[in-house]
Amino acid sequence: MPVKTLVVGQMQTNCYFFYDENFEEAVIIDPGDDPDFIKNKINDLELKPQAILGTHAHFDHLLGVNELSLDFKIPFYLHKDDNKILKRMTRTASFFIKTDVGPAPQVNKYLKEGQIIKVGSLSLKVIHTPGHTQGGVCFYCQKEKILFSGDLLFAHGGYGRTDLEGGNEEMLFKSIKKILKLAVNTIIYSGHGPKTTIKNEKKYYK
């Protein structure tokens, strides 16, 4: 399976490498912290990162972006509807984890619904899934039946909170229903906690 999971930072965020095993090309999804740890794993696997993808702009998913983007000379992708949250990232992080995290990263390319991101011979489709934040997205690989859901939904019927800036409960459940239309054998890699499947999660949303 072309996925490597790392748990990083105080918030125990799942950072993912999605990669083509033949071409060794990869994208880094949600590097929430611990950039040195992430870099070491990239080098251990001899991967060639092409981009950093953010599922949304909460600090616990993006604290490693600046260092990784600089070291690997790769662009950072995010949906434009999360710009307001991104601009406040430093202040928000200071409030939650009581430390100076430096400036918010600069977005190099904005993600759009239906956009295709090539990773070697594989590809990820961008699915706009607002609710946890306005600019939340999921990344879907149809060939491998893999979905990176960010904080939209979690295993065992869990889902993202909607009481933070940009959150909207009605939109969140609409986005979850959109995702649950994917193939039942799709593996869901969430922003926190264990992986699950569309089949396992459907029973919680009847």
C-alpha atoms as a PDB file:
ATOM      1  CA  MET A   1       0.000   0.000   0.000  1.00  0.00           C
ATOM      2  CA  PRO A   2       1.537   3.349  -1.051  1.00  0.00           C
ATOM      3  CA  VAL A   3       0.899   5.052   2.300  1.00  0.00           C
ATOM      4  CA  LYS A   4       3.192   5.721   5.256  1.00  0.00           C
ATOM      5  CA  THR A   5       1.688   7.098   8.468  1.00  0.00           C
ATOM      6  CA  LEU A   6       3.562   9.199  11.027  1.00  0.00           C
ATOM      7  CA  VAL A   7       1.992  10.510  14.239  1.00  0.00           C
ATOM      8  CA  VAL A   8       3.401  13.961  14.988  1.00  0.00           C
ATOM      9  CA  GLY A   9       3.133  16.863  17.408  1.00  0.00           C
ATOM     10  CA  GLN A  10       1.366  17.511  20.696  1.00  0.00           C
ATOM     11  CA  MET A  11      -2.015  16.994  19.034  1.00  0.00           C
ATOM     12  CA  GLN A  12      -1.010  13.528  17.759  1.00  0.00           C
ATOM     13  CA  THR A  13      -1.823  14.347  14.145  1.00  0.00           C
ATOM     14  CA  ASN A  14      -1.485  11.781  11.392  1.00  0.00           C
ATOM     15  CA  CYS A  15       0.979  12.919   8.733  1.00  0.00           C
ATOM     16  CA  TYR A  16       0.936  10.814   5.587  1.00  0.00           C
ATOM     17  CA  PHE A  17       3.272  10.053   2.726  1.00  0.00           C
ATOM     18  CA  PHE A  18       1.373   8.983  -0.385  1.00  0.00           C
ATOM     19  CA  TYR A  19       3.829   7.632  -2.914  1.00  0.00           C
ATOM     20  CA  ASP A  20       4.408   5.669  -6.099  1.00  0.00           C
ATOM     21  CA  GLU A  21       6.646   2.749  -5.164  1.00  0.00           C
ATOM     22  CA  ASN A  22       8.023   2.457  -8.706  1.00  0.00           C
ATOM     23  CA  PHE A  23       8.882   6.105  -9.330  1.00  0.00           C
ATOM     24  CA  GLU A  24       9.546   6.949  -5.640  1.00  0.00           C
ATOM     25  CA  GLU A  25       7.617  10.204  -6.082  1.00  0.00           C
ATOM     26  CA  ALA A  26       5.564  11.283  -3.069  1.00  0.00           C
ATOM     27  CA  VAL A  27       3.366  13.966  -1.576  1.00  0.00           C
ATOM     28  CA  ILE A  28       3.369  14.856   2.108  1.00  0.00           C
ATOM     29  CA  ILE A  29      -0.121  15.271   3.554  1.00  0.00           C
ATOM     30  CA  ASP A  30      -0.689  17.281   6.751  1.00  0.00           C
ATOM     31  CA  PRO A  31       2.824  17.594   8.218  1.00  0.00           C
ATOM     32  CA  GLY A  32       1.490  18.750  11.574  1.00  0.00           C
ATOM     33  CA  ASP A  33       4.831  19.114  13.390  1.00  0.00           C
ATOM     34  CA  ASP A  34       8.206  17.417  13.948  1.00  0.00           C
ATOM     35  CA  PRO A  35       9.684  18.301  10.533  1.00  0.00           C
ATOM     36  CA  ASP A  36      13.055  16.698  11.328  1.00  0.00           C
ATOM     37  CA  PHE A  37      11.326  13.403  12.116  1.00  0.00           C
ATOM     38  CA  ILE A  38       9.368  13.651   8.858  1.00  0.00           C
ATOM     39  CA  LYS A  39      12.520  14.453   6.853  1.00  0.00           C
ATOM     40  CA  ASN A  40      14.353  11.475   8.317  1.00  0.00           C
ATOM     41  CA  LYS A  41      11.522   9.126   7.347  1.00  0.00           C
ATOM     42  CA  ILE A  42      11.413  10.571   3.820  1.00  0.00           C
ATOM     43  CA  ASN A  43      15.139   9.937   3.477  1.00  0.00           C
ATOM     44  CA  ASP A  44      14.896   6.452   5.007  1.00  0.00           C
ATOM     45  CA  LEU A  45      12.294   5.508   2.398  1.00  0.00           C
ATOM     46  CA  GLU A  46      14.325   7.220  -0.353  1.00  0.00           C
ATOM     47  CA  LEU A  47      11.254   9.126  -1.499  1.00  0.00           C
ATOM     48  CA  LYS A  48      11.224  12.203  -3.723  1.00  0.00           C
ATOM     49  CA  PRO A  49       8.572  14.568  -2.341  1.00  0.00           C
ATOM     50  CA  GLN A  50       6.820  16.677  -4.970  1.00  0.00           C
ATOM     51  CA  ALA A  51       4.424  18.760  -2.861  1.00  0.00           C
ATOM     52  CA  ILE A  52       2.857  19.309   0.548  1.00  0.00           C
ATOM     53  CA  LEU A  53      -0.932  18.977   0.689  1.00  0.00           C
ATOM     54  CA  GLY A  54      -3.044  20.426   3.491  1.00  0.00           C
ATOM     55  CA  THR A  55      -6.494  19.007   4.182  1.00  0.00           C
ATOM     56  CA  HIS A  56      -7.301  22.213   6.092  1.00  0.00           C
ATOM     57  CA  ALA A  57      -5.552  25.123   7.791  1.00  0.00           C
ATOM     58  CA  HIS A  58      -5.590  24.179  11.477  1.00  0.00           C
ATOM     59  CA  PHE A  59      -2.128  24.550  12.976  1.00  0.00           C
ATOM     60  CA  ASP A  60      -1.854  20.943  14.139  1.00  0.00           C
ATOM     61  CA  HIS A  61      -1.823  19.864  10.488  1.00  0.00           C
ATOM     62  CA  LEU A  62       0.616  22.471   9.159  1.00  0.00           C
ATOM     63  CA  LEU A  63       3.393  23.274  11.646  1.00  0.00           C
ATOM     64  CA  GLY A  64       5.953  21.324   9.618  1.00  0.00           C
ATOM     65  CA  VAL A  65       5.152  22.982   6.288  1.00  0.00           C
ATOM     66  CA  ASN A  66       7.659  25.849   6.330  1.00  0.00           C
ATOM     67  CA  GLU A  67      10.732  23.755   7.069  1.00  0.00           C
ATOM     68  CA  LEU A  68       9.796  20.891   4.741  1.00  0.00           C
ATOM     69  CA  SER A  69       8.874  23.216   1.884  1.00  0.00           C
ATOM     70  CA  LEU A  70      12.201  25.005   2.217  1.00  0.00           C
ATOM     71  CA  ASP A  71      14.366  21.904   2.604  1.00  0.00           C
ATOM     72  CA  PHE A  72      12.809  19.930  -0.248  1.00  0.00           C
ATOM     73  CA  LYS A  73      12.010  23.003  -2.392  1.00  0.00           C
ATOM     74  CA  ILE A  74       8.424  21.899  -2.926  1.00  0.00           C
ATOM     75  CA  PRO A  75       5.115  23.821  -3.104  1.00  0.00           C
ATOM     76  CA  PHE A  76       2.397  23.907  -0.474  1.00  0.00           C
ATOM     77  CA  TYR A  77      -1.235  23.364  -1.562  1.00  0.00           C
ATOM     78  CA  LEU A  78      -4.338  24.450   0.372  1.00  0.00           C
ATOM     79  CA  HIS A  79      -7.928  25.455  -0.428  1.00  0.00           C
ATOM     80  CA  LYS A  80      -8.381  29.241  -0.628  1.00  0.00           C
ATOM     81  CA  ASP A  81     -11.431  29.194   1.669  1.00  0.00           C
ATOM     82  CA  ASP A  82      -9.115  28.463   4.603  1.00  0.00           C
ATOM     83  CA  ASN A  83      -7.011  31.600   4.111  1.00  0.00           C
ATOM     84  CA  LYS A  84      -8.492  33.385   7.137  1.00  0.00           C
ATOM     85  CA  ILE A  85      -7.699  30.474   9.432  1.00  0.00           C
ATOM     86  CA  LEU A  86      -4.205  30.200   7.984  1.00  0.00           C
ATOM     87  CA  LYS A  87      -3.465  33.868   8.665  1.00  0.00           C
ATOM     88  CA  ARG A  88      -4.377  33.368  12.339  1.00  0.00           C
ATOM     89  CA  MET A  89      -2.474  30.096  12.659  1.00  0.00           C
ATOM     90  CA  THR A  90       0.404  31.459  14.732  1.00  0.00           C
ATOM     91  CA  ARG A  91      -1.883  33.086  17.283  1.00  0.00           C
ATOM     92  CA  THR A  92      -4.139  30.037  17.479  1.00  0.00           C
ATOM     93  CA  ALA A  93      -1.206  27.679  17.990  1.00  0.00           C
ATOM     94  CA  SER A  94       0.186  29.886  20.757  1.00  0.00           C
ATOM     95  CA  PHE A  95      -3.159  29.691  22.547  1.00  0.00           C
ATOM     96  CA  PHE A  96      -3.536  25.906  22.301  1.00  0.00           C
ATOM     97  CA  ILE A  97       0.025  24.655  22.749  1.00  0.00           C
ATOM     98  CA  LYS A  98       1.606  27.641  24.529  1.00  0.00           C
ATOM     99  CA  THR A  99       4.638  27.974  22.275  1.00  0.00           C
ATOM    100  CA  ASP A 100       5.911  30.212  19.492  1.00  0.00           C
ATOM    101  CA  VAL A 101       5.531  28.348  16.207  1.00  0.00           C
ATOM    102  CA  GLY A 102       6.830  30.974  13.796  1.00  0.00           C
ATOM    103  CA  PRO A 103       4.996  32.458  10.797  1.00  0.00           C
ATOM    104  CA  ALA A 104       2.152  30.772   8.949  1.00  0.00           C
ATOM    105  CA  PRO A 105       3.208  29.099   5.691  1.00  0.00           C
ATOM    106  CA  GLN A 106       2.645  30.718   2.316  1.00  0.00           C
ATOM    107  CA  VAL A 107       0.332  28.877  -0.061  1.00  0.00           C
ATOM    108  CA  ASN A 108       1.938  28.279  -3.458  1.00  0.00           C
ATOM    109  CA  LYS A 109      -1.053  26.716  -5.188  1.00  0.00           C
ATOM    110  CA  TYR A 110      -4.740  26.667  -4.278  1.00  0.00           C
ATOM    111  CA  LEU A 111      -6.717  23.442  -4.361  1.00  0.00           C
ATOM    112  CA  LYS A 112     -10.025  23.199  -6.230  1.00  0.00           C
ATOM    113  CA  GLU A 113     -12.864  20.674  -6.335  1.00  0.00           C
ATOM    114  CA  GLY A 114     -12.082  17.965  -8.880  1.00  0.00           C
ATOM    115  CA  GLN A 115      -8.424  18.919  -9.269  1.00  0.00           C
ATOM    116  CA  ILE A 116      -6.102  15.996 -10.037  1.00  0.00           C
ATOM    117  CA  ILE A 117      -2.681  15.804  -8.402  1.00  0.00           C
ATOM    118  CA  LYS A 118      -0.287  13.388 -10.090  1.00  0.00           C
ATOM    119  CA  VAL A 119       2.071  11.324  -7.959  1.00  0.00           C
ATOM    120  CA  GLY A 120       4.178   9.226 -10.304  1.00  0.00           C
ATOM    121  CA  SER A 121       1.760   6.846 -12.017  1.00  0.00           C
ATOM    122  CA  LEU A 122      -0.872   7.445  -9.320  1.00  0.00           C
ATOM    123  CA  SER A 123      -3.185  10.397  -8.808  1.00  0.00           C
ATOM    124  CA  LEU A 124      -5.224  12.064  -6.082  1.00  0.00           C
ATOM    125  CA  LYS A 125      -8.526  13.818  -6.706  1.00  0.00           C
ATOM    126  CA  VAL A 126      -9.411  16.842  -4.589  1.00  0.00           C
ATOM    127  CA  ILE A 127     -12.868  16.679  -2.983  1.00  0.00           C
ATOM    128  CA  HIS A 128     -14.019  19.880  -1.302  1.00  0.00           C
ATOM    129  CA  THR A 129     -15.592  18.900   2.025  1.00  0.00           C
ATOM    130  CA  PRO A 130     -16.452  22.002   4.088  1.00  0.00           C
ATOM    131  CA  GLY A 131     -17.827  21.708   7.596  1.00  0.00           C
ATOM    132  CA  HIS A 132     -14.867  21.320   9.943  1.00  0.00           C
ATOM    133  CA  THR A 133     -13.481  24.375   8.140  1.00  0.00           C
ATOM    134  CA  GLN A 134     -14.755  26.202   5.070  1.00  0.00           C
ATOM    135  CA  GLY A 135     -11.820  25.085   2.967  1.00  0.00           C
ATOM    136  CA  GLY A 136     -11.537  21.504   4.163  1.00  0.00           C
ATOM    137  CA  VAL A 137     -10.722  18.943   1.482  1.00  0.00           C
ATOM    138  CA  CYS A 138     -10.219  15.215   1.134  1.00  0.00           C
ATOM    139  CA  PHE A 139      -7.802  13.524  -1.257  1.00  0.00           C
ATOM    140  CA  TYR A 140      -9.025  10.416  -3.077  1.00  0.00           C
ATOM    141  CA  CYS A 141      -7.068   7.814  -5.038  1.00  0.00           C
ATOM    142  CA  GLN A 142      -9.604   5.836  -7.048  1.00  0.00           C
ATOM    143  CA  LYS A 143      -7.044   3.300  -8.286  1.00  0.00           C
ATOM    144  CA  GLU A 144      -5.941   2.284  -4.792  1.00  0.00           C
ATOM    145  CA  LYS A 145      -9.300   3.025  -3.092  1.00  0.00           C
ATOM    146  CA  ILE A 146      -7.695   5.372  -0.568  1.00  0.00           C
ATOM    147  CA  LEU A 147      -9.149   8.525   0.990  1.00  0.00           C
ATOM    148  CA  PHE A 148      -7.293  11.041   3.148  1.00  0.00           C
ATOM    149  CA  SER A 149     -10.112  12.681   5.103  1.00  0.00           C
ATOM    150  CA  GLY A 150      -8.325  15.179   7.346  1.00  0.00           C
ATOM    151  CA  ASP A 151     -10.600  16.037  10.274  1.00  0.00           C
ATOM    152  CA  LEU A 152     -13.859  15.502   8.380  1.00  0.00           C
ATOM    153  CA  LEU A 153     -14.499  12.093   9.900  1.00  0.00           C
ATOM    154  CA  PHE A 154     -12.736   9.532  12.048  1.00  0.00           C
ATOM    155  CA  ALA A 155     -13.049   5.825  12.843  1.00  0.00           C
ATOM    156  CA  HIS A 156     -16.003   4.509  14.862  1.00  0.00           C
ATOM    157  CA  GLY A 157     -18.407   7.262  13.815  1.00  0.00           C
ATOM    158  CA  GLY A 158     -16.232  10.163  14.908  1.00  0.00           C
ATOM    159  CA  TYR A 159     -16.283  13.464  13.050  1.00  0.00           C
ATOM    160  CA  GLY A 160     -14.640  16.871  13.178  1.00  0.00           C
ATOM    161  CA  ARG A 161     -15.712  19.565  15.605  1.00  0.00           C
ATOM    162  CA  THR A 162     -17.662  22.503  14.204  1.00  0.00           C
ATOM    163  CA  ASP A 163     -17.354  25.011  17.053  1.00  0.00           C
ATOM    164  CA  LEU A 164     -14.136  26.577  15.740  1.00  0.00           C
ATOM    165  CA  GLU A 165     -13.791  29.316  13.117  1.00  0.00           C
ATOM    166  CA  GLY A 166     -15.250  28.242   9.783  1.00  0.00           C
ATOM    167  CA  GLY A 167     -17.085  25.278  11.285  1.00  0.00           C
ATOM    168  CA  ASN A 168     -20.624  24.454  10.190  1.00  0.00           C
ATOM    169  CA  GLU A 169     -22.417  21.325  11.387  1.00  0.00           C
ATOM    170  CA  GLU A 170     -24.924  21.207   8.527  1.00  0.00           C
ATOM    171  CA  MET A 171     -22.141  21.468   5.949  1.00  0.00           C
ATOM    172  CA  LEU A 172     -20.065  18.871   7.793  1.00  0.00           C
ATOM    173  CA  PHE A 173     -22.747  16.190   7.593  1.00  0.00           C
ATOM    174  CA  LYS A 174     -23.450  17.089   3.978  1.00  0.00           C
ATOM    175  CA  SER A 175     -19.751  16.566   3.229  1.00  0.00           C
ATOM    176  CA  ILE A 176     -19.686  13.261   5.109  1.00  0.00           C
ATOM    177  CA  LYS A 177     -22.639  11.996   3.071  1.00  0.00           C
ATOM    178  CA  LYS A 178     -20.772  13.025  -0.077  1.00  0.00           C
ATOM    179  CA  ILE A 179     -17.746  10.964   0.957  1.00  0.00           C
ATOM    180  CA  LEU A 180     -19.811   7.933   1.973  1.00  0.00           C
ATOM    181  CA  LYS A 181     -20.898   7.541  -1.665  1.00  0.00           C
ATOM    182  CA  LEU A 182     -17.412   6.287  -2.525  1.00  0.00           C
ATOM    183  CA  ALA A 183     -16.738   2.565  -2.948  1.00  0.00           C
ATOM    184  CA  VAL A 184     -17.400   0.669   0.296  1.00  0.00           C
ATOM    185  CA  ASN A 185     -13.919  -0.875   0.281  1.00  0.00           C
ATOM    186  CA  THR A 186     -12.254   2.552   0.288  1.00  0.00           C
ATOM    187  CA  ILE A 187      -9.747   2.871   3.140  1.00  0.00           C
ATOM    188  CA  ILE A 188     -10.067   6.136   5.082  1.00  0.00           C
ATOM    189  CA  TYR A 189      -6.917   7.673   6.543  1.00  0.00           C
ATOM    190  CA  SER A 190      -8.079  10.316   9.017  1.00  0.00           C
ATOM    191  CA  GLY A 191      -6.327  13.289  10.567  1.00  0.00           C
ATOM    192  CA  HIS A 192      -6.211  11.593  13.974  1.00  0.00           C
ATOM    193  CA  GLY A 193      -6.614   8.013  15.159  1.00  0.00           C
ATOM    194  CA  PRO A 194      -6.748   4.699  13.286  1.00  0.00           C
ATOM    195  CA  LYS A 195      -7.703   4.089   9.693  1.00  0.00           C
ATOM    196  CA  THR A 196     -11.165   2.811   8.809  1.00  0.00           C
ATOM    197  CA  THR A 197     -13.280   2.099   5.710  1.00  0.00           C
ATOM    198  CA  ILE A 198     -16.334   3.563   4.034  1.00  0.00           C
ATOM    199  CA  LYS A 199     -18.161   0.317   4.843  1.00  0.00           C
ATOM    200  CA  ASN A 200     -17.384   0.586   8.555  1.00  0.00           C
ATOM    201  CA  GLU A 201     -18.474   4.223   8.794  1.00  0.00           C
ATOM    202  CA  LYS A 202     -21.691   4.019   6.773  1.00  0.00           C
ATOM    203  CA  LYS A 203     -23.552   2.332   9.621  1.00  0.00           C
ATOM    204  CA  TYR A 204     -23.158   5.463  11.765  1.00  0.00           C
ATOM    205  CA  TYR A 205     -24.878   7.746   9.252  1.00  0.00           C
ATOM    206  CA  LYS A 206     -28.098   5.976   8.276  1.00  0.00           C
END
